[in-house]
Amino acid sequence: MNTNDVAAAGSSIQFDTFQPHHYSITPTRQNYSINVGPAPAAFARPPRPGCAHRAERLSVKRLEAKLKPNDAVLFIDRKGRRYLKILRPGTRILIRGEIPADDLIGTDEGSRVKLSTGETFLVLRPTYADLIPHLPRQAQVIYPKDTGPLLIWGDVFPGATVIEGGVGAGALTIALLRAVGPAGRVISYELREDFAAAARRNVAAFFGEAPTWTLKVGDLYAGFTETGVDRLFLDLAEPGRALGVAARALRAGGVLVCYVPTAIQLGDTVAALERDGGFGEVESFETLLRNWHVKGLSVRPVHRMVAHSGFIIVARRLASHSQAGAEPLPAPGESPALDVGAAGANESDSYDDAGDPDDDVQR
């Protein structure tokens, strides 16, 4: 059994590699698309007896309480160290001691199991937050603390059509596929073939079948082939260079979300959005995550926290007729000028920021 080991601070994660799957290449202008799917019979390697090709792990399908063949499973020891394994029939799970994978298949998730050395481990399927920091990768992934705000501020909904610019290891791709559901569509663009291949493997291994996902390898600065999409995410070094092609791909009112790591990139991207004229309601922020140590009378923040990882920039695509001759709208967080004559009109139907507690602060 081929294995790769990934070491994380305070934990040890081990994951199994997966058999490659077939993909076809279709030319589209200057790009070519990778259509992910199972290998045809002529190219597929014969499976081991009783071994399924894939299992639903982080997909939109409902998981059962019983562990199944090829499930990704976390083994958690008494110190909280985690080991990511795959339940492949006919193999043995090796950590500090061993246990046949067949002994775990059919076991309830959340059970405690004892290995040959007598050490006990808690067995659970990994959540998205468990899995993503330890994905096989060559590029930095977007961590779960940022994935949540990206999806919420990006307003990704079931059935949405979403473009992802810059796929990396496929961490955000998995989250987008889960968010849009089987009625939605995700189109990912990636310049580097090795990143695209890694993302394809990770989606196949940890999400499962993704018929609503299209992966295109090419330079997105040359333009997207899609138009009228609902949401567009850019994880690039220079998102400002892609605003023109992003505006042509997004429908009016669509949401553009950019993710950049440095303050210089943040300033450059916001400045480009303000100059462009095709976007409004520009908002930028970052998220900080601080865990707490709670044990008896010891209740305090942990000594380390996940602080800055990246800046999130959100903007709305404006209708073409609103780009000229319109007064600039206030940025989120700024107070618009008050029309005293209109004050009190339709108060019962108003859901504005009048109740913002910051407005009551004396300055």
Protein backbone atom coordinates (compact mmCIF):
# COMPACT_ATOMS: atom_id res chain seq x y z
CA MET A 1 0.00 0.00 0.00
CA ASN A 2 1.45 3.36 -1.03
CA THR A 3 1.29 6.03 1.67
CA ASN A 4 2.21 9.66 2.07
CA ASP A 5 2.87 11.13 5.47
CA VAL A 6 2.06 14.70 6.38
CA ALA A 7 3.28 16.11 9.68
CA ALA A 8 1.31 18.89 11.35
CA ALA A 9 2.08 20.80 14.53
CA GLY A 10 0.93 18.70 17.46
CA SER A 11 -0.52 16.00 15.22
CA SER A 12 0.50 13.25 12.83
CA ILE A 13 -1.62 12.74 9.73
CA GLN A 14 -1.19 9.88 7.29
CA PHE A 15 -3.24 9.42 4.16
CA ASP A 16 -3.28 6.76 1.47
CA THR A 17 -2.79 7.53 -2.18
CA PHE A 18 -5.51 6.75 -4.70
CA GLN A 19 -5.61 5.15 -8.10
CA PRO A 20 -5.58 7.72 -10.93
CA HIS A 21 -8.77 8.30 -12.88
CA HIS A 22 -9.24 8.96 -16.55
CA TYR A 23 -9.71 12.48 -17.84
CA SER A 24 -10.31 13.72 -21.35
CA ILE A 25 -8.90 16.92 -22.84
CA THR A 26 -11.15 19.13 -24.95
CA PRO A 27 -9.69 22.26 -26.67
CA THR A 28 -11.60 25.49 -25.97
CA ARG A 29 -9.99 28.55 -27.56
CA GLN A 30 -6.68 29.05 -25.73
CA ASN A 31 -7.66 26.74 -22.88
CA TYR A 32 -8.39 23.09 -22.65
CA SER A 33 -10.81 21.48 -20.26
CA ILE A 34 -10.38 18.40 -18.12
CA ASN A 35 -13.60 16.46 -17.79
CA VAL A 36 -13.32 14.40 -14.65
CA GLY A 37 -14.83 10.95 -14.69
CA PRO A 38 -14.16 7.30 -14.07
CA ALA A 39 -11.71 5.60 -16.37
CA PRO A 40 -13.19 3.65 -19.29
CA ALA A 41 -12.89 -0.11 -19.15
CA ALA A 42 -9.99 -0.13 -21.59
CA PHE A 43 -7.83 2.00 -19.28
CA ALA A 44 -9.13 1.13 -15.81
CA ARG A 45 -7.05 -1.01 -13.50
CA PRO A 46 -9.03 -3.98 -12.19
CA PRO A 47 -10.18 -3.34 -8.61
CA ARG A 48 -9.19 -5.61 -5.77
CA PRO A 49 -11.95 -8.01 -4.76
CA GLY A 50 -14.57 -6.27 -2.65
CA CYS A 51 -12.98 -2.84 -3.15
CA ALA A 52 -15.16 0.02 -4.38
CA HIS A 53 -13.56 2.63 -6.64
CA ARG A 54 -14.71 5.59 -4.56
CA ALA A 55 -16.70 6.40 -1.47
CA GLU A 56 -18.79 9.44 -0.65
CA ARG A 57 -16.84 11.43 1.95
CA LEU A 58 -17.38 15.18 1.75
CA SER A 59 -19.91 15.00 -1.07
CA VAL A 60 -23.49 16.22 -0.99
CA LYS A 61 -24.72 12.68 -0.44
CA ARG A 62 -25.87 11.71 3.03
CA LEU A 63 -23.45 9.46 4.92
CA GLU A 64 -24.59 6.51 6.97
CA ALA A 65 -23.49 5.88 10.55
CA LYS A 66 -21.74 2.65 9.50
CA LEU A 67 -18.26 2.94 8.06
CA LYS A 68 -18.00 1.72 4.48
CA PRO A 69 -15.22 0.42 2.22
CA ASN A 70 -12.82 3.14 1.05
CA ASP A 71 -14.06 5.67 3.62
CA ALA A 72 -11.53 8.23 4.82
CA VAL A 73 -11.29 7.84 8.60
CA LEU A 74 -9.52 9.72 11.39
CA PHE A 75 -7.88 7.71 14.16
CA ILE A 76 -7.55 9.99 17.23
CA ASP A 77 -5.37 8.91 20.15
CA ARG A 78 -5.71 9.94 23.80
CA LYS A 79 -3.45 12.97 23.23
CA GLY A 80 -5.59 14.23 20.35
CA ARG A 81 -3.10 13.25 17.64
CA ARG A 82 -4.86 12.42 14.40
CA TYR A 83 -4.07 9.89 11.68
CA LEU A 84 -6.00 9.95 8.42
CA LYS A 85 -6.43 6.48 6.89
CA ILE A 86 -8.46 4.84 4.14
CA LEU A 87 -10.53 1.72 4.90
CA ARG A 88 -9.44 -0.40 1.97
CA PRO A 89 -10.75 -3.96 2.16
CA GLY A 90 -8.05 -6.58 2.54
CA THR A 91 -5.49 -4.15 3.97
CA ARG A 92 -4.28 -3.45 7.50
CA ILE A 93 -4.28 -0.06 9.22
CA LEU A 94 -0.83 0.67 10.65
CA ILE A 95 -0.26 3.33 13.29
CA ARG A 96 1.35 2.17 16.54
CA GLY A 97 0.13 -1.34 16.12
CA GLU A 98 -2.28 -2.55 13.48
CA ILE A 99 -5.87 -3.55 12.82
CA PRO A 100 -7.48 -5.09 9.72
CA ALA A 101 -9.52 -2.54 7.77
CA ASP A 102 -12.20 -5.22 7.35
CA ASP A 103 -12.72 -5.21 11.14
CA LEU A 104 -13.71 -1.54 10.96
CA ILE A 105 -16.00 -1.70 7.94
CA GLY A 106 -19.54 -1.83 9.26
CA THR A 107 -18.51 -0.32 12.60
CA ASP A 108 -20.42 2.74 13.82
CA GLU A 109 -18.63 6.02 13.28
CA GLY A 110 -17.60 7.39 16.69
CA SER A 111 -16.52 4.01 18.03
CA ARG A 112 -13.34 3.35 20.00
CA VAL A 113 -11.16 0.59 18.62
CA LYS A 114 -8.12 -1.19 20.03
CA LEU A 115 -5.05 -1.88 17.91
CA SER A 116 -2.76 -4.89 18.29
CA THR A 117 -0.58 -3.08 20.84
CA GLY A 118 -3.58 -2.45 23.09
CA GLU A 119 -3.72 1.28 22.35
CA THR A 120 -7.24 2.66 21.88
CA PHE A 121 -8.24 5.16 19.17
CA LEU A 122 -11.45 7.07 18.51
CA VAL A 123 -12.60 6.52 14.90
CA LEU A 124 -14.44 9.29 13.02
CA ARG A 125 -14.87 10.40 9.44
CA PRO A 126 -13.02 13.71 8.90
CA THR A 127 -15.04 16.89 8.63
CA TYR A 128 -14.08 19.53 6.08
CA ALA A 129 -12.16 21.40 8.79
CA ASP A 130 -10.31 18.20 9.75
CA LEU A 131 -9.32 17.35 6.21
CA ILE A 132 -8.39 20.59 4.45
CA PRO A 133 -5.24 21.57 6.42
CA HIS A 134 -3.76 18.17 5.57
CA LEU A 135 -4.68 17.86 1.88
CA PRO A 136 -1.87 16.64 -0.37
CA ARG A 137 -0.69 19.85 -2.00
CA GLN A 138 2.08 21.88 -3.56
CA ALA A 139 0.38 25.25 -2.99
CA GLN A 140 -1.00 26.79 0.19
CA VAL A 141 -4.68 25.94 0.69
CA ILE A 142 -7.43 28.29 1.82
CA TYR A 143 -8.01 27.33 5.44
CA PRO A 144 -11.47 26.56 6.84
CA LYS A 145 -11.56 29.79 8.88
CA ASP A 146 -11.58 31.69 5.58
CA THR A 147 -13.67 29.20 3.60
CA GLY A 148 -16.79 29.92 5.69
CA PRO A 149 -16.69 33.71 5.16
CA LEU A 150 -15.84 33.20 1.47
CA LEU A 151 -18.98 31.12 0.96
CA ILE A 152 -21.23 33.38 3.06
CA TRP A 153 -20.03 36.77 1.80
CA GLY A 154 -19.84 35.27 -1.68
CA ASP A 155 -23.47 34.19 -1.22
CA VAL A 156 -22.97 30.77 -2.81
CA PHE A 157 -26.36 29.05 -2.96
CA PRO A 158 -27.69 25.66 -4.13
CA GLY A 159 -28.05 25.70 -7.91
CA ALA A 160 -25.58 28.54 -8.47
CA THR A 161 -23.11 28.65 -11.35
CA VAL A 162 -19.69 29.53 -9.94
CA ILE A 163 -16.31 30.20 -11.55
CA GLU A 164 -13.19 29.56 -9.49
CA GLY A 165 -10.03 31.25 -10.72
CA GLY A 166 -7.00 29.45 -9.31
CA VAL A 167 -7.75 25.95 -8.06
CA GLY A 168 -4.62 25.14 -6.04
CA ALA A 169 -5.08 21.83 -4.24
CA GLY A 170 -8.88 21.87 -4.61
CA ALA A 171 -9.75 22.87 -1.03
CA LEU A 172 -12.14 25.66 -2.02
CA THR A 173 -13.35 23.56 -4.94
CA ILE A 174 -14.68 20.92 -2.56
CA ALA A 175 -16.46 23.57 -0.49
CA LEU A 176 -18.01 25.13 -3.60
CA LEU A 177 -19.21 21.76 -4.89
CA ARG A 178 -20.88 21.07 -1.57
CA ALA A 179 -22.48 24.54 -1.52
CA VAL A 180 -23.93 24.56 -5.05
CA GLY A 181 -25.26 21.02 -4.73
CA PRO A 182 -26.22 18.69 -7.57
CA ALA A 183 -28.25 21.41 -9.33
CA GLY A 184 -25.33 23.85 -9.43
CA ARG A 185 -22.16 24.05 -11.45
CA VAL A 186 -18.53 24.85 -10.63
CA ILE A 187 -16.01 25.77 -13.35
CA SER A 188 -12.40 25.97 -12.17
CA TYR A 189 -9.54 27.60 -14.08
CA GLU A 190 -5.91 26.78 -13.28
CA LEU A 191 -2.76 27.84 -15.10
CA ARG A 192 -0.47 25.08 -13.83
CA GLU A 193 -1.04 21.52 -14.95
CA ASP A 194 0.50 20.03 -11.79
CA PHE A 195 -1.89 22.02 -9.56
CA ALA A 196 -4.83 20.97 -11.73
CA ALA A 197 -3.80 17.31 -11.47
CA ALA A 198 -3.48 17.56 -7.68
CA ALA A 199 -6.90 19.19 -7.38
CA ARG A 200 -8.43 16.51 -9.58
CA ARG A 201 -6.99 13.77 -7.37
CA ASN A 202 -8.14 15.43 -4.16
CA VAL A 203 -11.67 16.04 -5.39
CA ALA A 204 -11.93 12.45 -6.63
CA ALA A 205 -10.50 11.07 -3.39
CA PHE A 206 -12.21 13.20 -0.77
CA PHE A 207 -15.38 14.42 -2.48
CA GLY A 208 -16.21 11.65 -4.90
CA GLU A 209 -17.92 11.82 -8.27
CA ALA A 210 -18.28 15.46 -9.39
CA PRO A 211 -20.31 15.57 -12.60
CA THR A 212 -21.10 19.27 -12.01
CA TRP A 213 -17.40 20.24 -11.95
CA THR A 214 -15.35 21.29 -14.97
CA LEU A 215 -11.61 21.90 -14.61
CA LYS A 216 -9.93 24.00 -17.31
CA VAL A 217 -6.17 24.41 -17.64
CA GLY A 218 -5.17 27.72 -19.16
CA ASP A 219 -4.59 31.42 -18.60
CA LEU A 220 -7.78 32.96 -17.21
CA TYR A 221 -6.44 36.45 -17.96
CA ALA A 222 -7.17 35.59 -21.60
CA GLY A 223 -10.86 35.37 -20.68
CA PHE A 224 -13.54 33.01 -19.46
CA THR A 225 -15.65 31.12 -21.98
CA GLU A 226 -18.70 31.32 -19.69
CA THR A 227 -21.07 34.28 -19.35
CA GLY A 228 -23.97 35.05 -17.02
CA VAL A 229 -22.46 33.23 -14.04
CA ASP A 230 -23.73 33.96 -10.54
CA ARG A 231 -20.53 34.04 -8.50
CA LEU A 232 -16.83 34.34 -9.32
CA PHE A 233 -13.88 33.65 -7.01
CA LEU A 234 -10.32 34.76 -7.74
CA ASP A 235 -7.38 33.33 -5.77
CA LEU A 236 -4.63 35.00 -7.76
CA ALA A 237 -1.57 37.17 -7.19
CA GLU A 238 -3.08 40.03 -9.22
CA PRO A 239 -6.89 39.90 -9.19
CA GLY A 240 -7.02 43.47 -10.49
CA ARG A 241 -5.72 42.30 -13.86
CA ALA A 242 -8.71 39.97 -14.22
CA LEU A 243 -11.50 42.47 -13.53
CA GLY A 244 -12.31 42.94 -17.21
CA VAL A 245 -12.75 39.25 -17.93
CA ALA A 246 -14.56 38.79 -14.60
CA ALA A 247 -17.05 41.53 -15.45
CA ARG A 248 -17.81 39.90 -18.80
CA ALA A 249 -18.38 36.52 -17.16
CA LEU A 250 -20.57 37.70 -14.26
CA ARG A 251 -24.22 38.55 -14.62
CA ALA A 252 -25.47 41.92 -13.40
CA GLY A 253 -25.73 41.79 -9.62
CA GLY A 254 -23.33 38.84 -9.43
CA VAL A 255 -20.75 38.61 -6.67
CA LEU A 256 -17.00 38.79 -7.18
CA VAL A 257 -14.79 37.49 -4.34
CA CYS A 258 -11.01 37.92 -4.30
CA TYR A 259 -8.59 36.30 -1.87
CA VAL A 260 -5.10 37.76 -1.45
CA PRO A 261 -2.44 37.23 1.26
CA THR A 262 -0.75 40.64 1.60
CA ALA A 263 -1.80 44.20 2.42
CA ILE A 264 -0.15 45.48 -0.76
CA GLN A 265 -2.28 43.11 -2.85
CA LEU A 266 -5.33 44.18 -0.88
CA GLY A 267 -4.71 47.87 -1.63
CA ASP A 268 -3.96 47.21 -5.30
CA THR A 269 -7.10 45.08 -5.77
CA VAL A 270 -9.46 47.55 -4.08
CA ALA A 271 -7.93 50.44 -6.06
CA ALA A 272 -8.42 48.49 -9.30
CA LEU A 273 -12.07 47.80 -8.41
CA GLU A 274 -12.68 51.48 -7.71
CA ARG A 275 -11.11 52.50 -11.03
CA ASP A 276 -12.90 49.83 -13.05
CA GLY A 277 -16.43 51.23 -12.76
CA GLY A 278 -18.06 47.88 -13.39
CA PHE A 279 -18.21 46.94 -9.72
CA GLY A 280 -19.69 48.49 -6.59
CA GLU A 281 -20.26 47.79 -2.90
CA VAL A 282 -16.60 46.90 -2.41
CA GLU A 283 -15.85 45.42 1.01
CA SER A 284 -12.63 43.96 2.42
CA PHE A 285 -11.82 42.16 5.66
CA GLU A 286 -9.84 39.34 7.28
CA THR A 287 -10.77 36.67 9.81
CA LEU A 288 -8.85 35.66 12.93
CA LEU A 289 -9.42 32.41 14.78
CA ARG A 290 -8.44 31.95 18.43
CA ASN A 291 -9.13 28.65 20.16
CA TRP A 292 -9.55 28.37 23.92
CA HIS A 293 -8.09 25.93 26.41
CA VAL A 294 -10.84 24.79 28.79
CA LYS A 295 -9.85 22.20 31.38
CA GLY A 296 -11.14 22.42 34.93
CA LEU A 297 -10.30 25.82 36.39
CA SER A 298 -7.87 26.54 33.56
CA VAL A 299 -9.90 28.60 31.08
CA ARG A 300 -7.72 30.72 28.81
CA PRO A 301 -6.85 31.31 25.18
CA VAL A 302 -4.48 28.76 23.70
CA HIS A 303 -0.92 30.02 23.31
CA ARG A 304 -1.10 29.87 19.51
CA MET A 305 -3.82 31.14 17.22
CA VAL A 306 -4.58 31.15 13.52
CA ALA A 307 -4.22 34.85 12.89
CA HIS A 308 -3.71 36.42 9.47
CA SER A 309 -3.89 34.10 6.50
CA GLY A 310 -5.44 36.29 3.80
CA PHE A 311 -7.70 39.21 2.94
CA ILE A 312 -11.17 38.72 1.48
CA ILE A 313 -12.48 41.33 -0.97
CA VAL A 314 -16.11 41.27 -2.06
CA ALA A 315 -17.74 43.36 -4.80
CA ARG A 316 -21.00 43.37 -6.79
CA ARG A 317 -21.20 43.45 -10.57
CA LEU A 318 -23.06 46.56 -11.70
CA ALA A 319 -25.49 46.70 -14.60
CA SER A 320 -23.89 48.32 -17.65
CA HIS A 321 -26.38 51.20 -17.75
CA SER A 322 -25.54 52.18 -14.16
CA GLN A 323 -21.84 52.69 -14.78
CA ALA A 324 -22.12 56.17 -16.27
CA GLY A 325 -23.60 59.26 -14.71
CA ALA A 326 -24.37 57.68 -11.37
CA GLU A 327 -23.28 59.09 -8.04
CA PRO A 328 -20.77 56.86 -6.26
CA LEU A 329 -22.39 54.67 -3.63
CA PRO A 330 -21.00 54.72 -0.08
CA ALA A 331 -18.74 51.83 0.76
CA PRO A 332 -20.06 49.29 3.27
CA GLY A 333 -19.64 50.71 6.77
CA GLU A 334 -19.95 54.33 5.63
CA SER A 335 -23.07 56.36 6.41
CA PRO A 336 -24.95 57.82 3.43
CA ALA A 337 -26.18 61.41 3.53
CA LEU A 338 -29.51 61.66 5.34
CA ASP A 339 -32.54 63.08 3.54
CA VAL A 340 -34.30 64.81 6.45
CA GLY A 341 -37.51 65.27 4.49
CA ALA A 342 -37.74 61.57 3.85
CA ALA A 343 -37.01 60.60 7.44
CA GLY A 344 -39.83 58.64 8.95
CA ALA A 345 -41.33 57.65 5.60
CA ASN A 346 -42.13 53.96 5.36
CA GLU A 347 -40.43 53.32 8.69
CA SER A 348 -42.25 50.04 9.18
CA ASP A 349 -40.80 48.72 5.91
CA SER A 350 -37.26 49.90 6.59
CA TYR A 351 -34.43 47.46 7.26
CA ASP A 352 -31.53 49.88 7.03
CA ASP A 353 -28.56 50.49 9.30
CA ALA A 354 -30.37 53.00 11.54
CA GLY A 355 -30.01 50.65 14.49
CA ASP A 356 -26.25 50.21 14.10
CA PRO A 357 -24.81 50.59 17.62
CA ASP A 358 -21.76 52.33 16.16
CA ASP A 359 -24.01 55.28 15.27
CA ASP A 360 -24.65 55.88 18.99
CA VAL A 361 -20.99 56.25 19.88
CA GLN A 362 -20.15 59.80 20.90
CA ARG A 363 -17.18 61.25 19.08
